[in-house]
Amino acid sequence: MPTDPLAQRLRLAIVLGLLLLVGLTALNLLQAASGLRKDNARSLNHARAMIESAINDGQSLVKAARPLAMGRCQDEQLALRDLITASPYARALYVLEGQQLRCTTLHRPILTRDIPRGPAGNQTLILARHSPITGQTAILYRQPSGDRTLLVELDGFHIFGALQAVMGEDNLFFLLGDQALDGHGRTLPAARLLEGGQRLQQSEPTAHPYRLVALNGYKEVLAFAWAYNQENLLAAPVLALLLGLLTFYLRGRSGSPAASSPEPWRPGSSSLICNP
C-alpha cells in the first residue's frame, strides 16, 4: 500500500501542532488578562481604603489640634504630643507661621529647612522623599489655619505598605502631583508610568488629590499568567508535540484514509479495463 510522502506528513504534523500551541497559549493569556484586571480592581480598592484611613486620621488630627496650635508652644506642646501618641498613623505635628517653625511635637530640636514644604499653593497632601524623623518617604497632610499652617507627618509605611501588602509584587503605585511612590517606598517621576502607552488601571476618585494606579500591560499579563497558570502554559507545548507526533504516525499508517485511497485514474494510464 502506498503511504503519504514523508515531507507531507511532517508538514501537516508541524502545522497542527503549532495551531494547537498558539490556540492554547492565546487562551491562557486571555484568561490571565481577565484575572489580572479583576485582581487589580480588588487591590486598588483595598489599598485605597487603607490609605484613605491614614489621610482621614491626619485630617481629624489637624482639626483637633487647631485650637491648641493657635496658642504658645510651651503651653500646648504636651497636649499636641498626646494627640500624636493617640494616632495610629501620625508621627509628628509641625506648626508653621510663615516660613518659621513655631512648634513641633518632636522631642528633639529640628530646623525649619528640614520640614518638607511641597509645591507652592494650598495643596493638602505632600509626598516627601526624606522624612526628618525616619529619613524615609513620608506623606504630610497640610492645612492652613489663620496665619499659621499645620503639617501632620503620616508614617510613609502606611502608604507604601498598603501598596505592597495587597499585591505582593511591584504593580501598584501612589501618584501625587508629578511624583509616584511604589510599594518599597521609592519615589519616581509619575510621567515614567504614564508614558510609553503603558496600560493602567486607576482607582475610583477620592476627595484627596492623589491617584492609585495598577500596571496592566503585556509584561504584567505574562507575569500573572506564569504565576497563576504555569501548569497550563507548560502543558501547551507538550500537548502540541503529542498532537504532531500522533498526526505524523496516523498519516503514515497503511490503514489511514490517505494511505489506502486508490490512485486516481488519469487519461492515458495503462490501467486495464476488463469487460464482463
Protein backbone atom coordinates (compact mmCIF):
# COMPACT_ATOMS: atom_id res chain seq x y z
CA MET A 1 0.00 0.00 0.00
CA PRO A 2 1.36 3.48 -0.80
CA THR A 3 1.84 5.91 2.06
CA ASP A 4 1.99 9.74 2.27
CA PRO A 5 5.35 11.25 1.37
CA LEU A 6 7.45 11.94 4.44
CA ALA A 7 7.63 15.69 3.82
CA GLN A 8 3.84 15.98 3.56
CA ARG A 9 3.30 14.06 6.78
CA LEU A 10 5.89 16.15 8.60
CA ARG A 11 4.43 19.41 7.32
CA LEU A 12 0.91 18.51 8.43
CA ALA A 13 2.14 17.40 11.87
CA ILE A 14 4.03 20.67 12.38
CA VAL A 15 1.11 22.85 11.26
CA LEU A 16 -1.41 21.13 13.51
CA GLY A 17 1.00 21.20 16.46
CA LEU A 18 1.68 24.93 16.03
CA LEU A 19 -2.01 25.72 15.69
CA LEU A 20 -2.74 23.93 18.95
CA LEU A 21 0.20 25.63 20.69
CA VAL A 22 -0.87 29.11 19.56
CA GLY A 23 -4.51 28.48 20.45
CA LEU A 24 -3.81 27.17 23.95
CA THR A 25 -1.28 29.94 24.67
CA ALA A 26 -3.68 32.64 23.48
CA LEU A 27 -6.45 31.18 25.64
CA ASN A 28 -4.19 31.12 28.70
CA LEU A 29 -3.11 34.73 28.14
CA LEU A 30 -6.71 35.90 27.70
CA GLN A 31 -7.64 34.22 30.95
CA ALA A 32 -4.60 35.80 32.64
CA ALA A 33 -5.50 39.28 31.34
CA SER A 34 -9.04 38.93 32.70
CA GLY A 35 -7.75 37.63 36.03
CA LEU A 36 -5.21 40.44 36.32
CA ARG A 37 -7.87 43.10 35.73
CA LYS A 38 -10.05 41.63 38.48
CA ASP A 39 -7.10 41.26 40.83
CA ASN A 40 -6.00 44.84 40.15
CA ALA A 41 -9.50 46.14 40.85
CA ARG A 42 -9.64 44.38 44.22
CA SER A 43 -6.13 45.56 45.11
CA LEU A 44 -6.85 49.16 44.15
CA ASN A 45 -9.99 49.24 46.28
CA HIS A 46 -8.19 47.64 49.23
CA ALA A 47 -5.20 49.98 49.04
CA ARG A 48 -7.48 52.98 48.60
CA ALA A 49 -9.39 52.08 51.79
CA MET A 50 -6.16 51.71 53.79
CA ILE A 51 -4.66 54.97 52.51
CA GLU A 52 -7.89 56.89 52.99
CA SER A 53 -7.92 55.77 56.64
CA ALA A 54 -4.44 57.22 57.17
CA ILE A 55 -5.23 60.54 55.45
CA ASN A 56 -8.58 60.91 57.19
CA ASP A 57 -6.84 60.32 60.51
CA GLY A 58 -4.41 63.14 59.70
CA GLN A 59 -7.34 65.35 58.78
CA SER A 60 -9.07 64.63 62.07
CA LEU A 61 -5.86 65.25 63.98
CA VAL A 62 -5.43 68.68 62.39
CA LYS A 63 -9.00 69.56 63.32
CA ALA A 64 -8.38 68.59 66.93
CA ALA A 65 -5.00 70.35 67.05
CA ARG A 66 -6.12 73.65 65.50
CA PRO A 67 -7.23 75.33 68.74
CA LEU A 68 -4.05 74.23 70.51
CA ALA A 69 -1.79 75.34 67.65
CA MET A 70 -3.03 78.92 67.97
CA GLY A 71 -1.54 79.28 71.45
CA ARG A 72 2.01 79.34 72.74
CA CYS A 73 4.05 76.22 72.04
CA GLN A 74 5.28 75.97 75.65
CA ASP A 75 1.69 75.87 76.89
CA GLU A 76 0.19 73.46 74.35
CA GLN A 77 3.07 71.22 73.28
CA LEU A 78 2.23 68.45 75.74
CA ALA A 79 -1.40 68.33 74.61
CA LEU A 80 -0.29 68.22 70.97
CA ARG A 81 2.01 65.30 71.76
CA ASP A 82 -0.90 63.46 73.35
CA LEU A 83 -2.82 63.78 70.08
CA ILE A 84 0.08 62.35 68.10
CA THR A 85 0.50 59.48 70.56
CA ALA A 86 -3.18 58.56 70.19
CA SER A 87 -2.98 58.49 66.39
CA PRO A 88 -2.17 55.14 64.73
CA TYR A 89 -0.80 56.82 61.59
CA ALA A 90 0.75 60.20 62.54
CA ARG A 91 4.38 60.58 63.57
CA ALA A 92 4.66 64.30 64.18
CA LEU A 93 2.90 67.64 64.02
CA TYR A 94 4.54 70.87 62.85
CA VAL A 95 3.12 74.35 63.30
CA LEU A 96 4.48 76.95 60.88
CA GLU A 97 3.96 80.68 60.87
CA GLY A 98 5.00 81.99 57.51
CA GLN A 99 8.41 80.40 56.93
CA GLN A 100 9.18 79.86 60.60
CA LEU A 101 8.65 76.75 62.69
CA ARG A 102 6.67 77.75 65.78
CA CYS A 103 6.04 74.38 67.39
CA THR A 104 6.59 70.67 66.91
CA THR A 105 5.70 67.52 68.79
CA LEU A 106 9.19 66.08 68.32
CA HIS A 107 11.30 65.63 71.43
CA ARG A 108 14.43 66.93 69.74
CA PRO A 109 15.29 70.22 68.02
CA ILE A 110 14.58 70.47 64.31
CA LEU A 111 15.41 73.14 61.77
CA THR A 112 12.72 74.77 59.68
CA ARG A 113 14.54 73.85 56.47
CA ASP A 114 14.29 70.16 57.37
CA ILE A 115 10.49 70.19 57.15
CA PRO A 116 9.17 69.18 53.71
CA ARG A 117 7.15 72.01 52.20
CA GLY A 118 5.96 70.54 48.93
CA PRO A 119 4.87 72.68 45.98
CA ALA A 120 3.59 76.21 46.45
CA GLY A 121 -0.12 76.69 46.90
CA ASN A 122 -2.75 75.14 49.10
CA GLN A 123 -2.17 71.50 48.24
CA THR A 124 -3.34 69.41 51.18
CA LEU A 125 -1.02 66.44 50.59
CA ILE A 126 2.77 66.44 50.23
CA LEU A 127 4.87 63.49 49.12
CA ALA A 128 8.20 63.95 50.89
CA ARG A 129 11.21 61.91 49.85
CA HIS A 130 13.03 62.50 53.13
CA SER A 131 11.27 62.47 56.49
CA PRO A 132 13.03 64.50 59.21
CA ILE A 133 12.17 61.65 61.60
CA THR A 134 12.97 58.42 59.73
CA GLY A 135 14.83 59.66 56.67
CA GLN A 136 12.41 57.65 54.53
CA THR A 137 9.46 58.62 52.39
CA ALA A 138 6.59 60.32 54.19
CA ILE A 139 3.19 61.78 53.41
CA LEU A 140 2.27 65.09 55.03
CA TYR A 141 -1.22 66.47 55.43
CA ARG A 142 -1.22 70.27 55.30
CA GLN A 143 -3.96 72.60 56.49
CA PRO A 144 -3.75 76.40 56.87
CA SER A 145 -5.32 77.93 59.96
CA GLY A 146 -5.30 81.71 60.05
CA ASP A 147 -1.74 82.94 59.81
CA ARG A 148 -0.38 79.51 60.69
CA THR A 149 -0.09 76.21 58.83
CA LEU A 150 -0.42 72.81 60.42
CA LEU A 151 1.51 69.87 58.97
CA VAL A 152 0.84 66.31 60.10
CA GLU A 153 3.51 63.83 59.07
CA LEU A 154 1.96 60.44 58.34
CA ASP A 155 4.10 57.36 58.53
CA GLY A 156 5.06 56.60 54.93
CA PHE A 157 4.96 52.88 55.65
CA HIS A 158 1.17 53.03 55.91
CA ILE A 159 1.09 54.35 52.36
CA PHE A 160 3.64 52.22 50.50
CA GLY A 161 2.98 49.30 52.85
CA ALA A 162 -0.62 49.29 51.62
CA LEU A 163 0.61 49.03 48.04
CA GLN A 164 2.86 46.10 48.83
CA ALA A 165 0.56 44.24 51.19
CA VAL A 166 -2.35 43.86 48.80
CA MET A 167 -0.35 42.80 45.74
CA GLY A 168 2.85 41.23 46.96
CA GLU A 169 4.57 42.47 43.82
CA ASP A 170 5.61 45.72 42.13
CA ASN A 171 2.35 46.55 40.41
CA LEU A 172 0.61 49.31 42.40
CA PHE A 173 1.69 52.95 42.62
CA PHE A 174 0.60 56.01 44.61
CA LEU A 175 0.61 59.15 42.43
CA LEU A 176 0.66 62.64 43.90
CA GLY A 177 1.45 65.57 41.67
CA ASP A 178 4.37 64.73 39.41
CA GLN A 179 5.73 62.05 41.75
CA ALA A 180 4.89 58.38 42.19
CA LEU A 181 5.52 56.08 45.13
CA ASP A 182 5.97 52.31 44.78
CA GLY A 183 5.44 49.52 47.29
CA HIS A 184 9.04 49.73 48.52
CA GLY A 185 8.87 53.41 49.47
CA ARG A 186 10.82 54.56 46.42
CA THR A 187 9.78 57.66 44.50
CA LEU A 188 9.96 58.08 40.74
CA PRO A 189 8.58 60.56 38.20
CA ALA A 190 4.91 59.93 37.55
CA ALA A 191 5.48 60.61 33.85
CA ARG A 192 7.50 57.41 33.61
CA LEU A 193 4.38 55.41 34.43
CA LEU A 194 2.06 57.40 32.20
CA GLU A 195 4.17 57.46 29.05
CA GLY A 196 5.02 54.76 26.55
CA GLY A 197 1.47 53.52 26.06
CA GLN A 198 1.53 51.67 29.36
CA ARG A 199 -1.92 50.29 30.12
CA LEU A 200 -3.07 51.42 33.55
CA GLN A 201 -5.99 50.73 35.84
CA GLN A 202 -6.92 53.55 38.18
CA SER A 203 -8.78 53.60 41.48
CA GLU A 204 -12.04 55.45 41.98
CA PRO A 205 -11.65 59.23 42.53
CA THR A 206 -11.24 60.37 46.11
CA ALA A 207 -11.70 63.62 47.99
CA HIS A 208 -7.91 63.94 48.26
CA PRO A 209 -5.54 64.88 45.40
CA TYR A 210 -3.87 61.54 44.77
CA ARG A 211 -4.34 58.58 42.44
CA LEU A 212 -3.69 54.88 42.72
CA VAL A 213 -2.76 53.06 39.54
CA ALA A 214 -2.00 49.45 38.69
CA LEU A 215 0.06 48.34 35.70
CA ASN A 216 -1.85 46.18 33.26
CA GLY A 217 0.44 45.82 30.24
CA TYR A 218 1.74 42.78 28.38
CA LYS A 219 4.62 42.30 30.80
CA GLU A 220 2.26 42.20 33.78
CA VAL A 221 -0.13 39.81 31.98
CA LEU A 222 2.73 37.41 31.22
CA ALA A 223 3.96 37.58 34.81
CA PHE A 224 0.44 36.95 36.12
CA ALA A 225 -0.06 34.02 33.74
CA TRP A 226 3.24 32.46 34.79
CA ALA A 227 2.48 32.94 38.48
CA TYR A 228 -1.09 31.61 38.46
CA ASN A 229 -1.39 29.48 35.30
CA GLN A 230 2.07 28.00 34.99
CA GLU A 231 0.89 24.39 34.63
CA ASN A 232 -1.32 25.19 31.62
CA LEU A 233 1.42 27.22 29.95
CA LEU A 234 3.85 24.32 30.30
CA ALA A 235 1.24 21.79 29.18
CA ALA A 236 0.53 23.64 25.90
CA PRO A 237 3.83 22.74 24.11
CA VAL A 238 3.62 19.16 25.41
CA LEU A 239 0.11 18.73 24.01
CA ALA A 240 1.16 20.37 20.74
CA LEU A 241 4.10 17.96 20.44
CA LEU A 242 1.88 14.95 21.14
CA LEU A 243 -0.62 16.06 18.53
CA GLY A 244 2.16 16.48 15.98
CA LEU A 245 3.58 13.03 16.71
CA LEU A 246 0.15 11.42 16.61
CA THR A 247 -0.67 13.10 13.31
CA PHE A 248 2.67 12.05 11.84
CA TYR A 249 2.10 8.47 12.97
CA LEU A 250 -1.51 8.16 11.80
CA ARG A 251 -0.80 9.65 8.38
CA GLY A 252 1.88 7.03 7.90
CA ARG A 253 -0.27 4.03 8.75
CA SER A 254 -1.20 1.82 5.84
CA GLY A 255 -4.82 1.74 7.02
CA SER A 256 -5.25 5.51 7.13
CA PRO A 257 -7.71 7.05 4.67
CA ALA A 258 -4.98 8.96 2.89
CA ALA A 259 -2.71 5.93 2.69
CA SER A 260 -5.39 3.47 1.50
CA SER A 261 -7.17 5.68 -1.03
CA PRO A 262 -6.71 4.41 -4.63
CA GLU A 263 -4.67 6.42 -7.04
CA PRO A 264 -6.98 8.49 -9.25
CA TRP A 265 -7.37 7.49 -12.90
CA ARG A 266 -5.70 9.73 -15.44
CA PRO A 267 -6.18 9.69 -19.24
CA GLY A 268 -3.54 7.64 -20.97
CA SER A 269 -2.91 5.48 -17.95
CA SER A 270 -2.08 1.86 -18.53
CA SER A 271 -4.88 0.55 -16.34
CA LEU A 272 -6.73 -2.35 -17.96
CA ILE A 273 -10.49 -2.26 -18.20
CA CYS A 274 -11.98 -5.72 -18.08
CA ASN A 275 -15.26 -6.22 -19.86
CA PRO A 276 -17.65 -8.74 -18.44
